[in-house]
Structure formats: C-alpha cells, structure tokens
C-alpha atoms as a PDB file:
ATOM      1  CA  MET A   1      -0.065  -0.194  -0.175  1.00  0.00           C
ATOM      2  CA  LEU A   2       2.832   2.266   0.541  1.00  0.00           C
ATOM      3  CA  TYR A   3       4.124   2.189  -3.027  1.00  0.00           C
ATOM      4  CA  VAL A   4       0.907   2.417  -4.308  1.00  0.00           C
ATOM      5  CA  HIS A   5       0.258   5.941  -2.197  1.00  0.00           C
ATOM      6  CA  SER A   6       3.661   6.911  -3.126  1.00  0.00           C
ATOM      7  CA  VAL A   7       2.702   6.584  -6.923  1.00  0.00           C
ATOM      8  CA  PHE A   8      -0.029   8.710  -5.979  1.00  0.00           C
ATOM      9  CA  ILE A   9       1.628  11.576  -4.229  1.00  0.00           C
ATOM     10  CA  PHE A  10       4.299  11.656  -6.826  1.00  0.00           C
ATOM     11  CA  ILE A  11       1.590  12.150  -9.667  1.00  0.00           C
ATOM     12  CA  PHE A  12      -0.388  14.614  -7.344  1.00  0.00           C
ATOM     13  CA  SER A  13       3.422  16.698  -7.019  1.00  0.00           C
ATOM     14  CA  VAL A  14       3.985  16.807 -10.700  1.00  0.00           C
ATOM     15  CA  LEU A  15       0.676  17.729 -11.876  1.00  0.00           C
ATOM     16  CA  TYR A  16       0.851  20.641  -9.018  1.00  0.00           C
ATOM     17  CA  SER A  17       4.081  21.930 -10.437  1.00  0.00           C
ATOM     18  CA  ILE A  18       2.894  21.499 -14.008  1.00  0.00           C
ATOM     19  CA  LEU A  19       0.061  23.792 -12.740  1.00  0.00           C
ATOM     20  CA  GLU A  20       1.918  26.254 -11.117  1.00  0.00           C
ATOM     21  CA  ILE A  21       4.114  26.593 -14.107  1.00  0.00           C
ATOM     22  CA  GLU A  22       0.587  26.877 -16.128  1.00  0.00           C
ATOM     23  CA  ILE A  23       0.063  29.467 -13.678  1.00  0.00           C
ATOM     24  CA  GLU A  24       3.162  31.394 -12.901  1.00  0.00           C
ATOM     25  CA  GLY A  25       5.127  30.659 -16.387  1.00  0.00           C
ATOM     26  CA  LYS A  26       8.448  32.217 -17.604  1.00  0.00           C
ATOM     27  CA  ASP A  27       7.860  34.593 -14.948  1.00  0.00           C
ATOM     28  CA  GLY A  28       7.897  32.089 -12.261  1.00  0.00           C
ATOM     29  CA  GLY A  29       9.243  32.882  -8.906  1.00  0.00           C
ATOM     30  CA  TRP A  30       6.079  33.613  -5.940  1.00  0.00           C
ATOM     31  CA  ALA A  31       3.662  34.164  -8.110  1.00  0.00           C
ATOM     32  CA  LYS A  32       5.363  37.891  -9.079  1.00  0.00           C
ATOM     33  CA  ASN A  33       3.106  38.550 -11.543  1.00  0.00           C
ATOM     34  CA  ILE A  34      -0.521  37.291 -10.879  1.00  0.00           C
ATOM     35  CA  PRO A  35      -2.833  39.129  -9.332  1.00  0.00           C
ATOM     36  CA  THR A  36      -2.445  38.196  -5.419  1.00  0.00           C
ATOM     37  CA  VAL A  37      -0.913  40.087  -2.550  1.00  0.00           C
ATOM     38  CA  PRO A  38       1.248  38.995   0.718  1.00  0.00           C
ATOM     39  CA  CYS A  39      -0.635  37.635   3.275  1.00  0.00           C
ATOM     40  CA  GLY A  40       1.442  39.192   5.602  1.00  0.00           C
ATOM     41  CA  LEU A  41       3.852  35.444   6.907  1.00  0.00           C
ATOM     42  CA  GLY A  42       7.249  36.705   5.345  1.00  0.00           C
ATOM     43  CA  ILE A  43       7.211  36.276   1.043  1.00  0.00           C
ATOM     44  CA  LEU A  44       4.119  33.854   1.515  1.00  0.00           C
ATOM     45  CA  THR A  45       1.151  35.404  -0.958  1.00  0.00           C
ATOM     46  CA  ASN A  46      -2.639  34.409  -0.102  1.00  0.00           C
ATOM     47  CA  TYR A  47      -1.950  32.406  -3.499  1.00  0.00           C
ATOM     48  CA  HIS A  48       1.021  30.328  -1.607  1.00  0.00           C
ATOM     49  CA  PHE A  49      -0.642  30.243   1.592  1.00  0.00           C
ATOM     50  CA  ILE A  50      -4.217  28.889   0.238  1.00  0.00           C
ATOM     51  CA  MET A  51      -2.205  26.331  -1.951  1.00  0.00           C
ATOM     52  CA  ASN A  52      -0.139  24.985   1.286  1.00  0.00           C
ATOM     53  CA  ILE A  53      -3.421  24.155   3.420  1.00  0.00           C
ATOM     54  CA  ILE A  54      -4.538  22.595   0.265  1.00  0.00           C
ATOM     55  CA  ILE A  55      -1.679  20.404  -0.171  1.00  0.00           C
ATOM     56  CA  ILE A  56      -1.307  20.088   3.551  1.00  0.00           C
ATOM     57  CA  LEU A  57      -5.247  18.891   3.990  1.00  0.00           C
ATOM     58  CA  VAL A  58      -5.129  16.632   1.007  1.00  0.00           C
ATOM     59  CA  VAL A  59      -1.584  14.185   1.608  1.00  0.00           C
ATOM     60  CA  SER A  60      -2.477  14.927   5.453  1.00  0.00           C
ATOM     61  CA  TYR A  61      -5.972  13.334   5.300  1.00  0.00           C
ATOM     62  CA  SER A  62      -5.055  10.812   2.298  1.00  0.00           C
ATOM     63  CA  THR A  63      -2.293   9.546   4.012  1.00  0.00           C
ATOM     64  CA  TYR A  64      -4.025   9.198   7.466  1.00  0.00           C
ATOM     65  CA  ILE A  65      -6.526   7.356   6.223  1.00  0.00           C
ATOM     66  CA  LEU A  66      -4.269   4.466   4.766  1.00  0.00           C
ATOM     67  CA  PHE A  67      -1.752   4.513   7.599  1.00  0.00           C
ATOM     68  CA  GLN A  68      -2.928   5.532  10.731  1.00  0.00           C
ATOM     69  CA  ASP A  69       0.861   6.871  11.389  1.00  0.00           C
ATOM     70  CA  ILE A  70       1.442  10.310  12.352  1.00  0.00           C
ATOM     71  CA  TYR A  71       5.596   9.684  10.955  1.00  0.00           C
ATOM     72  CA  ILE A  72       4.209   8.765   8.023  1.00  0.00           C
ATOM     73  CA  VAL A  73       1.779  11.124   7.355  1.00  0.00           C
ATOM     74  CA  ILE A  74       4.755  14.456   8.209  1.00  0.00           C
ATOM     75  CA  TYR A  75       6.996  12.202   5.414  1.00  0.00           C
ATOM     76  CA  TYR A  76       4.579  12.492   2.681  1.00  0.00           C
ATOM     77  CA  ASN A  77       3.875  16.022   3.201  1.00  0.00           C
ATOM     78  CA  ILE A  78       7.412  16.943   3.461  1.00  0.00           C
ATOM     79  CA  LEU A  79       8.294  14.342   0.447  1.00  0.00           C
ATOM     80  CA  TRP A  80       4.978  16.091  -1.585  1.00  0.00           C
ATOM     81  CA  PHE A  81       6.887  19.586  -1.265  1.00  0.00           C
ATOM     82  CA  ILE A  82      10.538  18.330  -2.470  1.00  0.00           C
ATOM     83  CA  ILE A  83       9.649  16.796  -5.290  1.00  0.00           C
ATOM     84  CA  GLU A  84       7.052  19.752  -6.758  1.00  0.00           C
ATOM     85  CA  ASP A  85       9.122  22.774  -5.804  1.00  0.00           C
ATOM     86  CA  PHE A  86      12.512  20.086  -7.684  1.00  0.00           C
ATOM     87  CA  CYS A  87       9.996  19.431 -10.546  1.00  0.00           C
ATOM     88  CA  TRP A  88       8.929  22.980 -10.954  1.00  0.00           C
ATOM     89  CA  PHE A  89      12.168  24.058 -11.711  1.00  0.00           C
ATOM     90  CA  VAL A  90      13.136  21.176 -13.877  1.00  0.00           C
ATOM     91  CA  LEU A  91       9.795  21.394 -15.830  1.00  0.00           C
ATOM     92  CA  ASN A  92       9.486  24.792 -16.663  1.00  0.00           C
ATOM     93  CA  PRO A  93      11.214  25.176 -19.349  1.00  0.00           C
ATOM     94  CA  TYR A  94      12.105  28.745 -18.812  1.00  0.00           C
ATOM     95  CA  PHE A  95      14.106  27.243 -15.911  1.00  0.00           C
ATOM     96  CA  THR A  96      15.174  23.628 -16.272  1.00  0.00           C
ATOM     97  CA  LEU A  97      17.779  21.636 -14.295  1.00  0.00           C
ATOM     98  CA  LYS A  98      20.717  23.982 -15.818  1.00  0.00           C
ATOM     99  CA  LYS A  99      18.994  27.062 -14.284  1.00  0.00           C
ATOM    100  CA  TYR A 100      18.168  25.204 -10.876  1.00  0.00           C
ATOM    101  CA  THR A 101      21.182  27.189  -9.505  1.00  0.00           C
ATOM    102  CA  LYS A 102      21.553  30.473  -6.509  1.00  0.00           C
ATOM    103  CA  GLU A 103      22.332  32.895  -9.555  1.00  0.00           C
ATOM    104  CA  ASP A 104      19.436  31.713 -11.346  1.00  0.00           C
ATOM    105  CA  ILE A 105      16.989  31.582  -8.950  1.00  0.00           C
ATOM    106  CA  TRP A 106      16.324  35.298  -7.365  1.00  0.00           C
ATOM    107  CA  TRP A 107      14.010  34.068  -4.738  1.00  0.00           C
ATOM    108  CA  HIS A 108      16.486  31.305  -3.616  1.00  0.00           C
ATOM    109  CA  SER A 109      19.130  33.185  -3.678  1.00  0.00           C
ATOM    110  CA  ASN A 110      19.436  35.180  -0.755  1.00  0.00           C
ATOM    111  CA  GLN A 111      19.749  31.324   1.313  1.00  0.00           C
ATOM    112  CA  LEU A 112      22.564  29.046   1.428  1.00  0.00           C
ATOM    113  CA  TRP A 113      22.894  26.494  -0.950  1.00  0.00           C
ATOM    114  CA  LEU A 114      25.612  23.164  -0.625  1.00  0.00           C
ATOM    115  CA  TYR A 115      26.124  21.297  -3.509  1.00  0.00           C
ATOM    116  CA  ASN A 116      23.884  22.994  -5.557  1.00  0.00           C
ATOM    117  CA  ILE A 117      21.033  22.244  -3.207  1.00  0.00           C
ATOM    118  CA  PRO A 118      19.135  25.282  -1.462  1.00  0.00           C
ATOM    119  CA  LEU A 119      19.595  24.350   2.011  1.00  0.00           C
ATOM    120  CA  HIS A 120      15.441  23.889   2.630  1.00  0.00           C
ATOM    121  CA  ASN A 121      15.974  21.014   0.572  1.00  0.00           C
ATOM    122  CA  ILE A 122      19.091  19.403   2.542  1.00  0.00           C
ATOM    123  CA  ILE A 123      16.896  20.183   5.848  1.00  0.00           C
ATOM    124  CA  SER A 124      13.825  18.849   4.269  1.00  0.00           C
ATOM    125  CA  PHE A 125      15.511  15.753   3.132  1.00  0.00           C
ATOM    126  CA  VAL A 126      17.463  15.079   6.829  1.00  0.00           C
ATOM    127  CA  ILE A 127      13.918  15.548   8.713  1.00  0.00           C
ATOM    128  CA  LEU A 128      13.214  12.490   6.376  1.00  0.00           C
ATOM    129  CA  LEU A 129      15.962  10.511   7.441  1.00  0.00           C
ATOM    130  CA  LEU A 130      14.812  11.187  11.224  1.00  0.00           C
ATOM    131  CA  ILE A 131      11.524  10.390  10.993  1.00  0.00           C
ATOM    132  CA  ILE A 132      12.693   6.956   9.375  1.00  0.00           C
ATOM    133  CA  LEU A 133      15.280   6.600  11.986  1.00  0.00           C
ATOM    134  CA  LEU A 134      11.993   7.862  14.369  1.00  0.00           C
ATOM    135  CA  SER A 135       9.584   5.798  13.086  1.00  0.00           C
ATOM    136  CA  GLN A 136      12.153   2.422  12.547  1.00  0.00           C
ATOM    137  CA  ASN A 137      10.139   2.100   9.020  1.00  0.00           C
ATOM    138  CA  ILE A 138      12.497   0.506   6.898  1.00  0.00           C
ATOM    139  CA  TYR A 139       9.610   0.723   4.096  1.00  0.00           C
ATOM    140  CA  LEU A 140       9.890   4.849   3.965  1.00  0.00           C
ATOM    141  CA  PHE A 141      13.931   4.127   3.693  1.00  0.00           C
ATOM    142  CA  TYR A 142      13.238   2.477   0.451  1.00  0.00           C
ATOM    143  CA  ASN A 143      10.196   4.589  -0.572  1.00  0.00           C
ATOM    144  CA  ILE A 144      12.938   7.780  -0.718  1.00  0.00           C
ATOM    145  CA  ILE A 145      14.804   5.329  -3.276  1.00  0.00           C
ATOM    146  CA  PHE A 146      11.562   4.759  -5.070  1.00  0.00           C
ATOM    147  CA  MET A 147      10.893   7.953  -5.261  1.00  0.00           C
ATOM    148  CA  SER A 148      14.299   9.120  -6.167  1.00  0.00           C
ATOM    149  CA  ILE A 149      13.881   6.871  -9.237  1.00  0.00           C
ATOM    150  CA  LEU A 150      10.649   8.434 -10.633  1.00  0.00           C
ATOM    151  CA  THR A 151      11.883  11.701  -9.820  1.00  0.00           C
ATOM    152  CA  PHE A 152      14.941  10.955 -12.470  1.00  0.00           C
ATOM    153  CA  ILE A 153      12.186   9.604 -15.085  1.00  0.00           C
ATOM    154  CA  ILE A 154      10.772  13.148 -14.683  1.00  0.00           C
ATOM    155  CA  VAL A 155      14.411  14.862 -15.003  1.00  0.00           C
ATOM    156  CA  GLU A 156      15.376  12.292 -18.337  1.00  0.00           C
ATOM    157  CA  ASN A 157      11.972  13.146 -20.130  1.00  0.00           C
ATOM    158  CA  SER A 158      11.613  16.825 -18.854  1.00  0.00           C
ATOM    159  CA  TYR A 159      12.481  17.872 -22.410  1.00  0.00           C
ATOM    160  CA  LEU A 160       9.871  16.419 -24.045  1.00  0.00           C
ATOM    161  CA  TYR A 161       7.176  18.610 -21.628  1.00  0.00           C
ATOM    162  CA  HIS A 162       9.617  21.726 -22.680  1.00  0.00           C
ATOM    163  CA  ILE A 163       8.805  20.758 -26.432  1.00  0.00           C
ATOM    164  CA  TRP A 164       5.024  20.710 -25.608  1.00  0.00           C
ATOM    165  CA  TYR A 165       4.734  23.642 -23.487  1.00  0.00           C
ATOM    166  CA  LEU A 166       6.401  25.793 -25.654  1.00  0.00           C
ATOM    167  CA  LYS A 167       4.558  24.283 -28.965  1.00  0.00           C
ATOM    168  CA  THR A 168       0.759  24.788 -26.937  1.00  0.00           C
ATOM    169  CA  HIS A 169       1.883  28.451 -25.658  1.00  0.00           C
ATOM    170  CA  ASN A 170       3.253  29.721 -29.016  1.00  0.00           C
ATOM    171  CA  ASN A 171       6.481  30.846 -27.076  1.00  0.00           C
ATOM    172  CA  LYS A 172       8.777  28.909 -29.849  1.00  0.00           C
ATOM    173  CA  ASN A 173      10.823  32.202 -29.937  1.00  0.00           C
ATOM    174  CA  ASP A 174      11.443  32.534 -26.305  1.00  0.00           C
ATOM    175  CA  ILE A 175      13.769  30.292 -25.756  1.00  0.00           C
ATOM    176  CA  LYS A 176      15.672  27.298 -27.350  1.00  0.00           C
ATOM    177  CA  ILE A 177      15.520  23.535 -26.507  1.00  0.00           C
END
C-alpha cells in the first residue's frame, strides 16, 4: 500500500508543479505577476498560503486514512513539497535543471546552497531521514529510493514537456531547447 500511495503522491506533486508552471510561466518565482497579495507571513502570498493549506489537507487526510501514523503523514507532506518544488524547476522550460542554481533563482538566492542544492531541501531531506529513524520504518527508506527513481525519470524526460509547453503556448522564439 505504501508504494501505491507513493505513486499517488508523486503524480499529485508533478501535476501540481505543472499547474503552477501554467499559472506562473516564465515569470516564475512566488507568483510575481499574478493578481495576489502578501498574506502577512513573510514572502508568502495569499495564493501560496491557500495552496499550501490545500496540499497539507489533501496529503495529510489521504495518508492518515491509509496508515494512521503521524510519522508517515509528516513524511509524505515533506516529500510532496520537495518533489513539487524541484519538478517545477525541472519541468519549467524557462528554468530547467541547467538553471537550478542560486544565480538563476532569485527567490532562493538569499539562502545558503550546498552542492548546488538549496538549504531548505537539504534540511527537508534530513528531516525525512530522522522520521525514518524515529518511526523505525525501513519501508520509508526504500520509498525515498523509489521516489528518487521516479523523479529521475521526470528529469530525463522533461525535454518532452518543454517541447509540448513551448509549442502549445506559442513561445517558440522565447528560448531554445
């Protein structure tokens, strides 16, 4: 059941990253050019605040109903946000894996990056490992490997989405693939 739910979480996170690409497009970063306002919590906009609440509710409810384990609920919430955020960059033809850098992502440029990875992703991964240790659930460790493989498949095939996106959005002259 864990792997079936993992596929659900993975597909949900990738589809949501594609939805955000549709909303934010080449402007990207924190809904810079969409009609939303700051919500009063740091750089979060109302759009991001509501989006995060929806995600936490859907992931938490679907996970708790299946497993009734708070460790697994927290695990899948963190994993969802890591995958969605990373896939947004990989699948967005205006960013891609090549531009997954501190210099190209202005809204993450003020934080520490280690080995070309934003610190928040490293901290999230460490929390996932702590959850595995605390829960003593070895299947969660195998699940990280499984989700990494799925993410690698997305990375390797992201160019197909780039081609489709640019063709359907009539942005052929914006960037070269």
